[in-house]
Amino acid sequence: MKNVESKRYSIIILIGPMSAGKSTIAKLLSSKLSIPRYELDDVRQRFYTEIGYSERLASQIVGEEGMKGLIRYWKPFEAYAVERAIAEFKNCVVDFGAGHSVYEDPELFSRVNEALKPVENVIQILPSPDLDRSVEIVNQRFSDLLVREVGKIDDELLQLNEFFVRHSSNHLLAKKTIYTENKKPAEITDEIIKWIQGVDRADDDTKKS
């Protein structure tokens, strides 16, 4: 295995919709490569507050506009969190929250795209190249999670997750997409490691040229 201090391993970023398996794969990559793992959703609050995030305002927006309003409020903070994470975290794996890689505002997308440009290993995790199938799989998992954690399914959140699956941002930001249907987490992890080591990267580069 190549030295984990090398440029290729400087940071590995996993992006994709909710319930795609990013957290599971991130933990396995962290263990197999002996590098730290950071979940951007766990550290984002520190970054958000640096530029004036208000929990009180966020709660007010949810009450008045629902989740869609909250998502709009989050967007500039999410873009900033990506920029800060890239600047701060080195030699590690970072799994993004689903919204951290999806932007409708061209200026915010441009900022995130610029921040991720020097990162060689931006990997989208998705069940299938068939987006309908991907929506079906991740939203079934997400529904099961919602029932376990809050006791009911939230249709608005499922619609939001479908939006994340279908939006072009993830596909444009990713340097590689790993399709996971019918694969075990260990298999997916090994596939990613092969790619970041360059075993499969040459084939990808050939297809793009």
Protein backbone atom coordinates (compact mmCIF):
# COMPACT_ATOMS: atom_id res chain seq x y z
CA MET A 1 0.00 0.00 0.00
CA LYS A 2 1.23 3.49 -0.76
CA ASN A 3 2.31 5.76 2.09
CA VAL A 4 -0.77 7.33 3.67
CA GLU A 5 1.16 10.61 3.89
CA SER A 6 1.15 10.88 0.08
CA LYS A 7 -0.88 13.48 -1.75
CA ARG A 8 -3.48 10.93 -2.84
CA TYR A 9 -4.28 10.17 0.79
CA SER A 10 -4.12 13.75 2.06
CA ILE A 11 -7.92 13.81 2.29
CA ILE A 12 -10.62 11.43 1.08
CA ILE A 13 -14.09 12.95 0.78
CA LEU A 14 -17.30 10.94 0.48
CA ILE A 15 -20.40 12.65 -0.89
CA GLY A 16 -23.91 11.50 -1.73
CA PRO A 17 -27.52 11.44 -0.48
CA MET A 18 -28.77 10.45 2.94
CA SER A 19 -28.64 6.69 3.68
CA ALA A 20 -26.20 6.04 0.85
CA GLY A 21 -23.74 4.41 3.28
CA LYS A 22 -21.16 7.20 3.53
CA SER A 23 -20.71 6.92 7.30
CA THR A 24 -20.23 3.16 7.22
CA ILE A 25 -17.70 3.34 4.41
CA ALA A 26 -15.88 6.28 6.02
CA LYS A 27 -15.40 4.29 9.23
CA LEU A 28 -14.04 1.31 7.30
CA LEU A 29 -11.67 3.49 5.26
CA SER A 30 -10.45 5.13 8.44
CA SER A 31 -9.73 1.75 9.98
CA LYS A 32 -8.11 0.16 6.93
CA LEU A 33 -5.92 3.16 6.09
CA SER A 34 -5.17 4.06 9.72
CA ILE A 35 -6.23 7.68 9.25
CA PRO A 36 -8.74 9.80 11.21
CA ARG A 37 -12.36 10.12 10.12
CA TYR A 38 -14.42 13.29 10.43
CA GLU A 39 -18.16 13.51 9.86
CA LEU A 40 -18.86 17.01 8.56
CA ASP A 41 -22.32 17.01 10.15
CA ASP A 42 -20.64 16.51 13.55
CA VAL A 43 -18.22 19.44 13.23
CA ARG A 44 -20.22 21.82 11.05
CA GLN A 45 -21.64 23.83 13.96
CA ARG A 46 -18.20 25.14 14.83
CA PHE A 47 -17.68 26.34 11.27
CA TYR A 48 -21.21 27.75 10.94
CA THR A 49 -20.88 29.90 14.04
CA GLU A 50 -17.71 31.49 12.66
CA ILE A 51 -19.87 33.36 10.14
CA GLY A 52 -22.87 34.15 12.32
CA TYR A 53 -25.13 31.08 12.25
CA SER A 54 -28.16 31.52 14.53
CA GLU A 55 -30.00 28.53 15.99
CA ARG A 56 -32.80 30.87 17.02
CA LEU A 57 -33.25 32.13 13.46
CA ALA A 58 -33.03 28.58 12.11
CA SER A 59 -35.85 27.48 14.46
CA GLN A 60 -37.93 30.47 13.42
CA ILE A 61 -37.45 29.66 9.74
CA VAL A 62 -38.49 26.03 10.30
CA GLY A 63 -41.67 27.21 12.03
CA GLU A 64 -42.55 29.66 9.28
CA GLU A 65 -41.24 27.97 6.11
CA GLY A 66 -40.56 24.33 6.97
CA MET A 67 -37.54 22.29 5.92
CA LYS A 68 -37.25 23.98 2.53
CA GLY A 69 -36.72 27.32 4.21
CA LEU A 70 -34.19 25.84 6.58
CA ILE A 71 -32.26 24.27 3.71
CA ARG A 72 -32.07 27.66 1.99
CA TYR A 73 -30.79 29.25 5.19
CA TRP A 74 -28.16 26.53 5.62
CA LYS A 75 -26.66 26.81 2.14
CA PRO A 76 -24.09 29.62 2.62
CA PHE A 77 -23.02 28.00 5.91
CA GLU A 78 -22.65 24.61 4.21
CA ALA A 79 -20.43 26.06 1.50
CA TYR A 80 -18.30 27.79 4.12
CA ALA A 81 -18.04 24.54 6.14
CA VAL A 82 -16.72 22.74 3.06
CA GLU A 83 -14.08 25.43 2.53
CA ARG A 84 -13.05 25.29 6.20
CA ALA A 85 -12.95 21.50 6.28
CA ILE A 86 -10.66 21.37 3.24
CA ALA A 87 -8.38 23.97 4.84
CA GLU A 88 -8.28 22.31 8.26
CA PHE A 89 -8.44 18.53 7.81
CA LYS A 90 -5.45 16.65 6.39
CA ASN A 91 -4.54 13.00 5.99
CA CYS A 92 -8.06 11.80 6.82
CA VAL A 93 -11.43 10.70 5.48
CA VAL A 94 -14.36 13.13 5.63
CA ASP A 95 -17.96 12.13 4.98
CA PHE A 96 -20.11 15.09 3.99
CA GLY A 97 -23.69 15.63 5.02
CA ALA A 98 -26.00 15.14 2.04
CA GLY A 99 -26.54 18.88 1.61
CA HIS A 100 -22.88 19.85 1.72
CA SER A 101 -22.37 18.84 -1.91
CA VAL A 102 -25.65 20.06 -3.47
CA TYR A 103 -26.05 23.70 -4.52
CA GLU A 104 -28.55 25.42 -6.77
CA ASP A 105 -26.96 28.84 -6.35
CA PRO A 106 -24.21 29.09 -9.03
CA GLU A 107 -21.98 31.23 -6.82
CA LEU A 108 -22.10 28.78 -3.91
CA PHE A 109 -21.53 25.83 -6.24
CA SER A 110 -18.54 27.63 -7.77
CA ARG A 111 -17.03 28.20 -4.32
CA VAL A 112 -17.39 24.55 -3.35
CA ASN A 113 -16.14 23.36 -6.72
CA GLU A 114 -13.07 25.57 -6.36
CA ALA A 115 -12.42 24.28 -2.84
CA LEU A 116 -12.63 20.66 -4.02
CA LYS A 117 -10.56 21.10 -7.20
CA PRO A 118 -7.22 20.19 -5.62
CA VAL A 119 -8.71 17.19 -3.79
CA GLU A 120 -8.06 14.08 -5.86
CA ASN A 121 -10.33 11.77 -3.92
CA VAL A 122 -13.87 13.18 -3.98
CA ILE A 123 -15.99 10.03 -4.19
CA GLN A 124 -19.74 9.88 -4.66
CA ILE A 125 -21.45 6.93 -2.99
CA LEU A 126 -24.62 5.86 -4.82
CA PRO A 127 -26.45 2.54 -5.08
CA SER A 128 -26.91 2.46 -8.85
CA PRO A 129 -26.26 4.37 -12.08
CA ASP A 130 -30.04 4.14 -12.52
CA LEU A 131 -31.18 7.17 -10.51
CA ASP A 132 -34.71 5.80 -10.10
CA ARG A 133 -33.24 2.68 -8.55
CA SER A 134 -30.93 4.75 -6.34
CA VAL A 135 -33.88 6.81 -5.07
CA GLU A 136 -35.79 3.61 -4.33
CA ILE A 137 -32.91 2.09 -2.34
CA VAL A 138 -31.77 5.10 -0.30
CA ASN A 139 -35.31 6.19 0.52
CA GLN A 140 -36.25 2.71 1.70
CA ARG A 141 -33.25 2.77 4.01
CA PHE A 142 -34.05 6.32 5.07
CA SER A 143 -37.68 5.42 5.76
CA ASP A 144 -36.58 2.53 7.96
CA LEU A 145 -34.23 4.88 9.82
CA LEU A 146 -36.96 7.48 10.37
CA VAL A 147 -39.36 4.85 11.72
CA ARG A 148 -36.70 3.59 14.14
CA GLU A 149 -35.60 7.03 15.33
CA VAL A 150 -38.77 9.18 15.26
CA GLY A 151 -41.55 6.65 14.80
CA LYS A 152 -42.83 7.88 11.43
CA ILE A 153 -41.90 8.58 7.83
CA ASP A 154 -41.49 12.21 6.77
CA ASP A 155 -42.47 12.61 3.10
CA GLU A 156 -40.82 16.03 2.89
CA LEU A 157 -37.46 14.54 3.92
CA LEU A 158 -37.85 11.71 1.41
CA GLN A 159 -38.54 14.24 -1.34
CA LEU A 160 -35.47 16.18 -0.25
CA ASN A 161 -33.34 13.04 -0.42
CA GLU A 162 -34.63 12.30 -3.93
CA PHE A 163 -33.60 15.83 -4.86
CA PHE A 164 -30.09 15.10 -3.54
CA VAL A 165 -29.89 11.91 -5.63
CA ARG A 166 -30.98 13.57 -8.85
CA HIS A 167 -29.21 16.92 -8.54
CA SER A 168 -26.24 17.47 -10.84
CA SER A 169 -23.95 18.91 -8.13
CA ASN A 170 -22.81 15.56 -6.76
CA HIS A 171 -22.08 14.23 -10.24
CA LEU A 172 -20.13 17.37 -11.17
CA LEU A 173 -18.10 17.52 -7.95
CA ALA A 174 -17.22 13.82 -7.75
CA LYS A 175 -13.94 12.58 -9.22
CA LYS A 176 -15.27 9.02 -8.94
CA THR A 177 -18.67 7.43 -8.34
CA ILE A 178 -18.83 4.08 -6.58
CA TYR A 179 -22.03 2.09 -7.11
CA THR A 180 -22.87 -0.05 -4.12
CA GLU A 181 -25.94 -2.17 -4.88
CA ASN A 182 -25.40 -5.85 -4.02
CA LYS A 183 -21.95 -5.13 -2.57
CA LYS A 184 -20.89 -5.59 1.03
CA PRO A 185 -19.34 -2.61 2.86
CA ALA A 186 -15.92 -4.32 2.91
CA GLU A 187 -16.08 -4.82 -0.88
CA ILE A 188 -16.97 -1.18 -1.42
CA THR A 189 -14.12 -0.08 0.83
CA ASP A 190 -11.61 -2.24 -1.05
CA GLU A 191 -12.87 -0.85 -4.37
CA ILE A 192 -12.30 2.70 -3.13
CA ILE A 193 -8.82 1.87 -1.83
CA LYS A 194 -7.88 0.31 -5.17
CA TRP A 195 -9.00 3.46 -6.93
CA ILE A 196 -7.18 5.91 -4.65
CA GLN A 197 -4.04 3.83 -4.95
CA GLY A 198 -4.28 4.31 -8.70
CA VAL A 199 -5.01 0.70 -9.61
CA ASP A 200 -8.25 1.61 -11.41
CA ARG A 201 -7.65 5.34 -11.90
CA ALA A 202 -5.89 4.95 -15.25
CA ASP A 203 -8.94 3.19 -16.72
CA ASP A 204 -11.19 6.03 -15.52
CA ASP A 205 -8.85 8.63 -17.04
CA THR A 206 -8.86 6.76 -20.34
CA LYS A 207 -12.67 6.71 -20.44
CA LYS A 208 -12.85 10.47 -19.80
CA SER A 209 -10.34 11.37 -22.54
